[in-house]
Amino acid sequence: MKVLGIVCSPRKGGNTEIMMEEVLVGARNAGAETELWTVASKYIVACDGCRSCFKKGGKCHVKDDIQELYPKIIEAGGIIWGTPVYFSTLTAHALTVMHRMYCLVHQDIMVDKIAAGIVVGAGEGHEGATLMLEKFFNCFLL
């Protein structure tokens, strides 16, 4: 199985990325092929809700760096989402990436994938971020 780690921290090499690398080491040790993708230094635009992906066979019209993520998600059997906690929830980067999965959802590409989350924070707020990830998994991966 291929496991994709998506790091939604804007900080390259930060705590979320370090934790994701450790989780991916465990997946490799269990026999999985792994890949890391991070939002750091990427140009990613928010979903504009145009719904053109319905008319274009799941193709998003926005041309940005998230286009490189779509084939990785399609190939992966397991996806791990990693995010720091910002104000008791996910980063804006994490939400943007999740919203941009809209074009894949209606093709049933996300169905039956295994998902996990890594939520990194120093104080309060883990509950809100964890709940948001759980809601995303329940909406898009079932």
N, C-alpha and C. Protein backbone atom coordinates (compact mmCIF):
# COMPACT_ATOMS: atom_id res chain seq x y z
N MET A 1 0.85 -1.18 0.00
CA MET A 1 0.00 0.00 0.00
C MET A 1 0.89 1.24 0.00
N LYS A 2 0.41 2.26 -0.69
CA LYS A 2 1.11 3.54 -0.68
C LYS A 2 0.44 4.44 0.36
N VAL A 3 1.27 5.06 1.21
CA VAL A 3 0.79 5.97 2.24
C VAL A 3 1.34 7.36 1.93
N LEU A 4 0.45 8.31 1.84
CA LEU A 4 0.80 9.70 1.55
C LEU A 4 0.65 10.53 2.81
N GLY A 5 1.70 11.23 3.19
CA GLY A 5 1.65 12.17 4.31
C GLY A 5 1.53 13.58 3.78
N ILE A 6 0.46 14.26 4.15
CA ILE A 6 0.23 15.64 3.72
C ILE A 6 0.45 16.55 4.92
N VAL A 7 1.47 17.40 4.84
CA VAL A 7 1.79 18.31 5.93
C VAL A 7 1.21 19.68 5.59
N CYS A 8 0.30 20.15 6.43
CA CYS A 8 -0.41 21.41 6.18
C CYS A 8 0.12 22.55 7.06
N SER A 9 1.40 22.50 7.35
CA SER A 9 2.05 23.58 8.07
C SER A 9 2.80 24.45 7.07
N PRO A 10 2.70 25.76 7.22
CA PRO A 10 3.46 26.63 6.33
C PRO A 10 4.95 26.65 6.63
N ARG A 11 5.35 26.05 7.75
CA ARG A 11 6.76 26.04 8.16
C ARG A 11 7.46 24.79 7.66
N LYS A 12 8.42 24.95 6.79
CA LYS A 12 9.23 23.84 6.30
C LYS A 12 10.08 23.31 7.45
N GLY A 13 10.04 21.99 7.66
CA GLY A 13 10.85 21.38 8.70
C GLY A 13 10.37 21.61 10.11
N GLY A 14 9.13 22.06 10.27
CA GLY A 14 8.58 22.33 11.60
C GLY A 14 8.16 21.05 12.32
N ASN A 15 7.55 21.21 13.49
CA ASN A 15 7.16 20.07 14.32
C ASN A 15 6.20 19.12 13.62
N THR A 16 5.28 19.66 12.85
CA THR A 16 4.32 18.80 12.15
C THR A 16 5.04 17.93 11.13
N GLU A 17 5.96 18.52 10.39
CA GLU A 17 6.71 17.75 9.41
C GLU A 17 7.59 16.69 10.09
N ILE A 18 8.20 17.04 11.20
CA ILE A 18 9.03 16.10 11.94
C ILE A 18 8.19 14.91 12.41
N MET A 19 7.03 15.20 12.96
CA MET A 19 6.15 14.12 13.43
C MET A 19 5.67 13.25 12.26
N MET A 20 5.33 13.90 11.13
CA MET A 20 4.88 13.14 9.96
C MET A 20 5.98 12.20 9.47
N GLU A 21 7.21 12.71 9.43
CA GLU A 21 8.34 11.86 9.00
C GLU A 21 8.44 10.61 9.89
N GLU A 22 8.25 10.79 11.20
CA GLU A 22 8.33 9.64 12.11
C GLU A 22 7.21 8.63 11.84
N VAL A 23 6.01 9.12 11.58
CA VAL A 23 4.89 8.23 11.27
C VAL A 23 5.16 7.49 9.96
N LEU A 24 5.71 8.18 8.97
CA LEU A 24 6.00 7.54 7.69
C LEU A 24 7.12 6.50 7.83
N VAL A 25 8.06 6.72 8.74
CA VAL A 25 9.08 5.70 9.02
C VAL A 25 8.39 4.43 9.52
N GLY A 26 7.44 4.59 10.42
CA GLY A 26 6.69 3.44 10.92
C GLY A 26 5.93 2.72 9.82
N ALA A 27 5.34 3.48 8.90
CA ALA A 27 4.61 2.88 7.78
C ALA A 27 5.58 2.12 6.86
N ARG A 28 6.75 2.70 6.61
CA ARG A 28 7.75 2.01 5.78
C ARG A 28 8.22 0.73 6.45
N ASN A 29 8.42 0.80 7.75
CA ASN A 29 8.84 -0.40 8.49
C ASN A 29 7.79 -1.50 8.46
N ALA A 30 6.54 -1.10 8.24
CA ALA A 30 5.45 -2.07 8.14
C ALA A 30 5.23 -2.52 6.69
N GLY A 31 6.09 -2.04 5.77
CA GLY A 31 6.02 -2.50 4.39
C GLY A 31 5.36 -1.57 3.40
N ALA A 32 4.95 -0.41 3.85
CA ALA A 32 4.27 0.53 2.94
C ALA A 32 5.28 1.35 2.15
N GLU A 33 4.87 1.75 0.97
CA GLU A 33 5.60 2.74 0.20
C GLU A 33 5.08 4.09 0.67
N THR A 34 5.94 5.05 0.95
CA THR A 34 5.49 6.33 1.51
C THR A 34 5.96 7.52 0.68
N GLU A 35 5.22 8.60 0.82
CA GLU A 35 5.58 9.85 0.18
C GLU A 35 5.11 11.00 1.08
N LEU A 36 5.91 12.06 1.12
CA LEU A 36 5.58 13.25 1.90
C LEU A 36 5.29 14.40 0.94
N TRP A 37 4.21 15.11 1.20
CA TRP A 37 3.86 16.31 0.44
C TRP A 37 3.54 17.40 1.45
N THR A 38 4.13 18.57 1.25
CA THR A 38 3.93 19.65 2.21
C THR A 38 3.45 20.92 1.51
N VAL A 39 2.65 21.70 2.20
CA VAL A 39 2.16 22.97 1.65
C VAL A 39 3.22 24.07 1.72
N ALA A 40 4.27 23.85 2.51
CA ALA A 40 5.31 24.88 2.68
C ALA A 40 5.88 25.26 1.32
N SER A 41 5.95 26.56 1.07
CA SER A 41 6.49 27.13 -0.17
C SER A 41 5.66 26.81 -1.41
N LYS A 42 4.44 26.35 -1.23
CA LYS A 42 3.58 26.05 -2.37
C LYS A 42 2.60 27.20 -2.59
N TYR A 43 2.21 27.37 -3.85
CA TYR A 43 1.19 28.34 -4.22
C TYR A 43 -0.13 27.58 -4.33
N ILE A 44 -1.03 27.83 -3.38
CA ILE A 44 -2.31 27.12 -3.33
C ILE A 44 -3.42 28.15 -3.20
N VAL A 45 -4.40 28.04 -4.08
CA VAL A 45 -5.53 28.97 -4.13
C VAL A 45 -6.75 28.28 -3.54
N ALA A 46 -7.59 29.04 -2.87
CA ALA A 46 -8.82 28.49 -2.29
C ALA A 46 -9.80 28.07 -3.37
N CYS A 47 -10.63 27.08 -3.05
CA CYS A 47 -11.72 26.66 -3.94
C CYS A 47 -12.65 27.85 -4.13
N ASP A 48 -13.03 28.11 -5.37
CA ASP A 48 -13.94 29.24 -5.63
C ASP A 48 -15.39 28.79 -5.77
N GLY A 49 -15.66 27.51 -5.56
CA GLY A 49 -17.03 27.01 -5.57
C GLY A 49 -17.72 27.08 -6.92
N CYS A 50 -16.96 27.11 -7.99
CA CYS A 50 -17.54 27.28 -9.33
C CYS A 50 -18.24 26.02 -9.82
N ARG A 51 -17.91 24.88 -9.25
CA ARG A 51 -18.48 23.58 -9.60
C ARG A 51 -18.13 23.13 -11.03
N SER A 52 -17.14 23.77 -11.64
CA SER A 52 -16.75 23.34 -12.98
C SER A 52 -16.19 21.92 -12.96
N CYS A 53 -15.71 21.47 -11.81
CA CYS A 53 -15.19 20.11 -11.72
C CYS A 53 -16.28 19.08 -11.98
N PHE A 54 -17.53 19.42 -11.73
CA PHE A 54 -18.64 18.52 -12.06
C PHE A 54 -18.77 18.37 -13.57
N LYS A 55 -18.52 19.44 -14.29
CA LYS A 55 -18.69 19.45 -15.75
C LYS A 55 -17.45 18.94 -16.47
N LYS A 56 -16.32 18.94 -15.80
CA LYS A 56 -15.05 18.59 -16.44
C LYS A 56 -14.50 17.26 -15.93
N GLY A 57 -15.35 16.37 -15.51
CA GLY A 57 -14.88 15.05 -15.07
C GLY A 57 -13.96 15.07 -13.88
N GLY A 58 -14.21 15.99 -12.95
CA GLY A 58 -13.41 16.07 -11.74
C GLY A 58 -12.17 16.91 -11.85
N LYS A 59 -12.01 17.61 -12.94
CA LYS A 59 -10.83 18.45 -13.13
C LYS A 59 -11.08 19.85 -12.60
N CYS A 60 -10.26 20.28 -11.67
CA CYS A 60 -10.35 21.63 -11.12
C CYS A 60 -9.72 22.60 -12.10
N HIS A 61 -10.38 23.72 -12.33
CA HIS A 61 -9.87 24.70 -13.29
C HIS A 61 -8.76 25.57 -12.72
N VAL A 62 -8.58 25.59 -11.41
CA VAL A 62 -7.56 26.43 -10.78
C VAL A 62 -6.18 25.80 -11.02
N LYS A 63 -5.30 26.57 -11.59
CA LYS A 63 -3.95 26.08 -11.89
C LYS A 63 -2.98 26.58 -10.82
N ASP A 64 -2.66 25.71 -9.91
CA ASP A 64 -1.74 26.04 -8.83
C ASP A 64 -1.01 24.77 -8.43
N ASP A 65 -0.27 24.83 -7.34
CA ASP A 65 0.55 23.69 -6.94
C ASP A 65 -0.24 22.51 -6.40
N ILE A 66 -1.51 22.69 -6.13
CA ILE A 66 -2.29 21.55 -5.62
C ILE A 66 -2.57 20.54 -6.72
N GLN A 67 -2.42 20.96 -7.97
CA GLN A 67 -2.61 20.03 -9.08
C GLN A 67 -1.67 18.83 -8.96
N GLU A 68 -0.47 19.04 -8.41
CA GLU A 68 0.49 17.95 -8.24
C GLU A 68 0.07 16.97 -7.15
N LEU A 69 -0.84 17.40 -6.27
CA LEU A 69 -1.29 16.54 -5.18
C LEU A 69 -2.36 15.54 -5.62
N TYR A 70 -3.19 15.93 -6.58
CA TYR A 70 -4.30 15.06 -6.99
C TYR A 70 -3.86 13.65 -7.38
N PRO A 71 -2.88 13.47 -8.28
CA PRO A 71 -2.50 12.09 -8.62
C PRO A 71 -1.92 11.32 -7.43
N LYS A 72 -1.27 12.02 -6.53
CA LYS A 72 -0.71 11.36 -5.34
C LYS A 72 -1.84 10.82 -4.46
N ILE A 73 -2.90 11.59 -4.32
CA ILE A 73 -4.04 11.15 -3.52
C ILE A 73 -4.74 9.98 -4.19
N ILE A 74 -4.87 10.05 -5.51
CA ILE A 74 -5.53 8.97 -6.24
C ILE A 74 -4.76 7.66 -6.07
N GLU A 75 -3.44 7.71 -6.11
CA GLU A 75 -2.60 6.51 -5.99
C GLU A 75 -2.55 5.95 -4.58
N ALA A 76 -2.69 6.79 -3.58
CA ALA A 76 -2.50 6.36 -2.19
C ALA A 76 -3.68 5.54 -1.67
N GLY A 77 -3.35 4.53 -0.91
CA GLY A 77 -4.39 3.76 -0.21
C GLY A 77 -4.61 4.31 1.19
N GLY A 78 -3.60 5.00 1.71
CA GLY A 78 -3.69 5.62 3.02
C GLY A 78 -3.20 7.05 2.95
N ILE A 79 -3.89 7.93 3.64
CA ILE A 79 -3.52 9.35 3.65
C ILE A 79 -3.46 9.81 5.10
N ILE A 80 -2.36 10.45 5.45
CA ILE A 80 -2.20 11.00 6.79
C ILE A 80 -2.14 12.52 6.64
N TRP A 81 -3.04 13.21 7.32
CA TRP A 81 -3.11 14.67 7.29
C TRP A 81 -2.44 15.20 8.55
N GLY A 82 -1.48 16.07 8.39
CA GLY A 82 -0.80 16.66 9.54
C GLY A 82 -1.00 18.16 9.54
N THR A 83 -1.34 18.71 10.72
CA THR A 83 -1.55 20.15 10.83
C THR A 83 -1.19 20.64 12.22
N PRO A 84 -0.61 21.83 12.29
CA PRO A 84 -0.50 22.47 13.60
C PRO A 84 -1.88 22.98 14.02
N VAL A 85 -2.00 23.29 15.28
CA VAL A 85 -3.24 23.88 15.79
C VAL A 85 -3.09 25.40 15.76
N TYR A 86 -4.00 26.06 15.06
CA TYR A 86 -4.05 27.52 15.02
C TYR A 86 -5.41 27.95 15.57
N PHE A 87 -5.44 28.65 16.66
CA PHE A 87 -6.67 29.16 17.25
C PHE A 87 -7.72 28.06 17.41
N SER A 88 -7.32 26.94 17.98
CA SER A 88 -8.18 25.80 18.30
C SER A 88 -8.76 25.10 17.09
N THR A 89 -8.13 25.23 15.94
CA THR A 89 -8.60 24.52 14.76
C THR A 89 -7.42 24.25 13.83
N LEU A 90 -7.73 23.82 12.61
CA LEU A 90 -6.72 23.54 11.60
C LEU A 90 -6.14 24.83 11.05
N THR A 91 -5.02 24.71 10.37
CA THR A 91 -4.47 25.87 9.68
C THR A 91 -5.35 26.20 8.47
N ALA A 92 -5.27 27.43 8.02
CA ALA A 92 -5.96 27.81 6.79
C ALA A 92 -5.46 26.97 5.62
N HIS A 93 -4.20 26.60 5.67
CA HIS A 93 -3.61 25.76 4.62
C HIS A 93 -4.31 24.40 4.59
N ALA A 94 -4.53 23.81 5.75
CA ALA A 94 -5.20 22.50 5.82
C ALA A 94 -6.62 22.60 5.27
N LEU A 95 -7.33 23.64 5.68
CA LEU A 95 -8.70 23.80 5.19
C LEU A 95 -8.74 24.02 3.68
N THR A 96 -7.80 24.78 3.17
CA THR A 96 -7.75 25.02 1.73
C THR A 96 -7.50 23.72 0.97
N VAL A 97 -6.55 22.93 1.43
CA VAL A 97 -6.29 21.65 0.77
C VAL A 97 -7.52 20.77 0.83
N MET A 98 -8.16 20.70 1.98
CA MET A 98 -9.36 19.88 2.12
C MET A 98 -10.47 20.36 1.19
N HIS A 99 -10.69 21.65 1.13
CA HIS A 99 -11.73 22.18 0.25
C HIS A 99 -11.43 21.85 -1.21
N ARG A 100 -10.18 21.86 -1.56
CA ARG A 100 -9.80 21.57 -2.95
C ARG A 100 -9.94 20.08 -3.30
N MET A 101 -10.22 19.23 -2.31
CA MET A 101 -10.50 17.82 -2.58
C MET A 101 -11.90 17.62 -3.12
N TYR A 102 -12.69 18.67 -3.12
CA TYR A 102 -14.07 18.63 -3.60
C TYR A 102 -14.17 17.99 -4.99
N CYS A 103 -13.22 18.31 -5.86
CA CYS A 103 -13.28 17.78 -7.22
C CYS A 103 -13.03 16.28 -7.27
N LEU A 104 -12.38 15.70 -6.27
CA LEU A 104 -12.15 14.26 -6.23
C LEU A 104 -13.31 13.51 -5.59
N VAL A 105 -13.97 14.13 -4.66
CA VAL A 105 -15.01 13.47 -3.88
C VAL A 105 -16.14 12.96 -4.76
N HIS A 106 -16.56 13.74 -5.69
CA HIS A 106 -17.73 13.36 -6.49
C HIS A 106 -17.40 12.34 -7.57
N GLN A 107 -16.17 11.91 -7.62
CA GLN A 107 -15.78 10.81 -8.51
C GLN A 107 -15.61 9.51 -7.72
N ASP A 108 -15.90 9.57 -6.43
CA ASP A 108 -15.73 8.44 -5.52
C ASP A 108 -14.28 7.98 -5.43
N ILE A 109 -13.34 8.86 -5.70
CA ILE A 109 -11.92 8.54 -5.61
C ILE A 109 -11.49 8.40 -4.16
N MET A 110 -12.13 9.14 -3.27
CA MET A 110 -11.71 9.14 -1.88
C MET A 110 -12.32 7.99 -1.07
N VAL A 111 -13.28 7.29 -1.64
CA VAL A 111 -13.97 6.22 -0.93
C VAL A 111 -12.99 5.07 -0.64
N ASP A 112 -13.10 4.51 0.53
CA ASP A 112 -12.35 3.34 0.96
C ASP A 112 -10.86 3.58 1.20
N LYS A 113 -10.44 4.81 1.26
CA LYS A 113 -9.05 5.09 1.62
C LYS A 113 -8.96 5.10 3.15
N ILE A 114 -7.81 4.76 3.65
CA ILE A 114 -7.56 4.79 5.09
C ILE A 114 -7.01 6.18 5.41
N ALA A 115 -7.51 6.78 6.47
CA ALA A 115 -7.08 8.13 6.82
C ALA A 115 -6.68 8.19 8.29
N ALA A 116 -5.73 9.08 8.56
CA ALA A 116 -5.31 9.35 9.93
C ALA A 116 -4.91 10.81 10.01
N GLY A 117 -4.86 11.33 11.21
CA GLY A 117 -4.49 12.72 11.40
C GLY A 117 -3.43 12.89 12.46
N ILE A 118 -2.60 13.89 12.25
CA ILE A 118 -1.61 14.32 13.24
C ILE A 118 -1.92 15.77 13.55
N VAL A 119 -2.22 16.05 14.81
CA VAL A 119 -2.55 17.41 15.24
C VAL A 119 -1.48 17.84 16.23
N VAL A 120 -0.78 18.92 15.92
CA VAL A 120 0.38 19.34 16.71
C VAL A 120 0.11 20.71 17.33
N GLY A 121 0.24 20.79 18.64
CA GLY A 121 0.05 22.05 19.33
C GLY A 121 0.71 22.04 20.69
N ALA A 122 0.95 23.21 21.21
CA ALA A 122 1.64 23.32 22.49
C ALA A 122 0.69 23.49 23.67
N GLY A 123 -0.53 23.88 23.41
CA GLY A 123 -1.45 24.14 24.51
C GLY A 123 -2.83 23.62 24.19
N GLU A 124 -3.80 24.48 24.29
CA GLU A 124 -5.19 24.09 24.06
C GLU A 124 -5.50 24.06 22.56
N GLY A 125 -6.66 23.47 22.26
CA GLY A 125 -7.15 23.52 20.89
C GLY A 125 -7.10 22.23 20.12
N HIS A 126 -6.46 21.22 20.67
CA HIS A 126 -6.37 19.95 19.96
C HIS A 126 -7.75 19.37 19.64
N GLU A 127 -8.69 19.56 20.57
CA GLU A 127 -10.01 18.98 20.39
C GLU A 127 -10.70 19.54 19.14
N GLY A 128 -10.62 20.85 18.95
CA GLY A 128 -11.25 21.48 17.80
C GLY A 128 -10.62 21.02 16.50
N ALA A 129 -9.31 20.95 16.45
CA ALA A 129 -8.62 20.51 15.24
C ALA A 129 -8.91 19.04 14.95
N THR A 130 -8.90 18.22 15.99
CA THR A 130 -9.19 16.80 15.81
C THR A 130 -10.62 16.60 15.32
N LEU A 131 -11.55 17.34 15.86
CA LEU A 131 -12.94 17.24 15.41
C LEU A 131 -13.09 17.63 13.95
N MET A 132 -12.38 18.67 13.52
CA MET A 132 -12.45 19.08 12.11
C MET A 132 -11.90 17.98 11.20
N LEU A 133 -10.80 17.35 11.57
CA LEU A 133 -10.26 16.25 10.78
C LEU A 133 -11.24 15.09 10.73
N GLU A 134 -11.84 14.76 11.88
CA GLU A 134 -12.81 13.67 11.92
C GLU A 134 -14.00 13.95 11.00
N LYS A 135 -14.50 15.18 11.02
CA LYS A 135 -15.62 15.54 10.15
C LYS A 135 -15.21 15.43 8.68
N PHE A 136 -14.01 15.87 8.35
CA PHE A 136 -13.52 15.75 6.98
C PHE A 136 -13.46 14.29 6.55
N PHE A 137 -12.88 13.45 7.40
CA PHE A 137 -12.77 12.02 7.07
C PHE A 137 -14.16 11.41 6.88
N ASN A 138 -15.09 11.75 7.75
CA ASN A 138 -16.43 11.18 7.65
C ASN A 138 -17.17 11.64 6.39
N CYS A 139 -16.94 12.87 5.97
CA CYS A 139 -17.61 13.38 4.77
C CYS A 139 -16.98 12.86 3.48
N PHE A 140 -15.68 12.82 3.44
CA PHE A 140 -15.00 12.59 2.18
C PHE A 140 -14.39 11.22 1.99
N LEU A 141 -14.24 10.45 3.03
CA LEU A 141 -13.54 9.18 2.88
C LEU A 141 -14.44 7.97 3.11
N LEU A 142 -15.71 8.18 3.26
CA LEU A 142 -16.61 7.03 3.48
C LEU A 142 -17.36 6.69 2.22
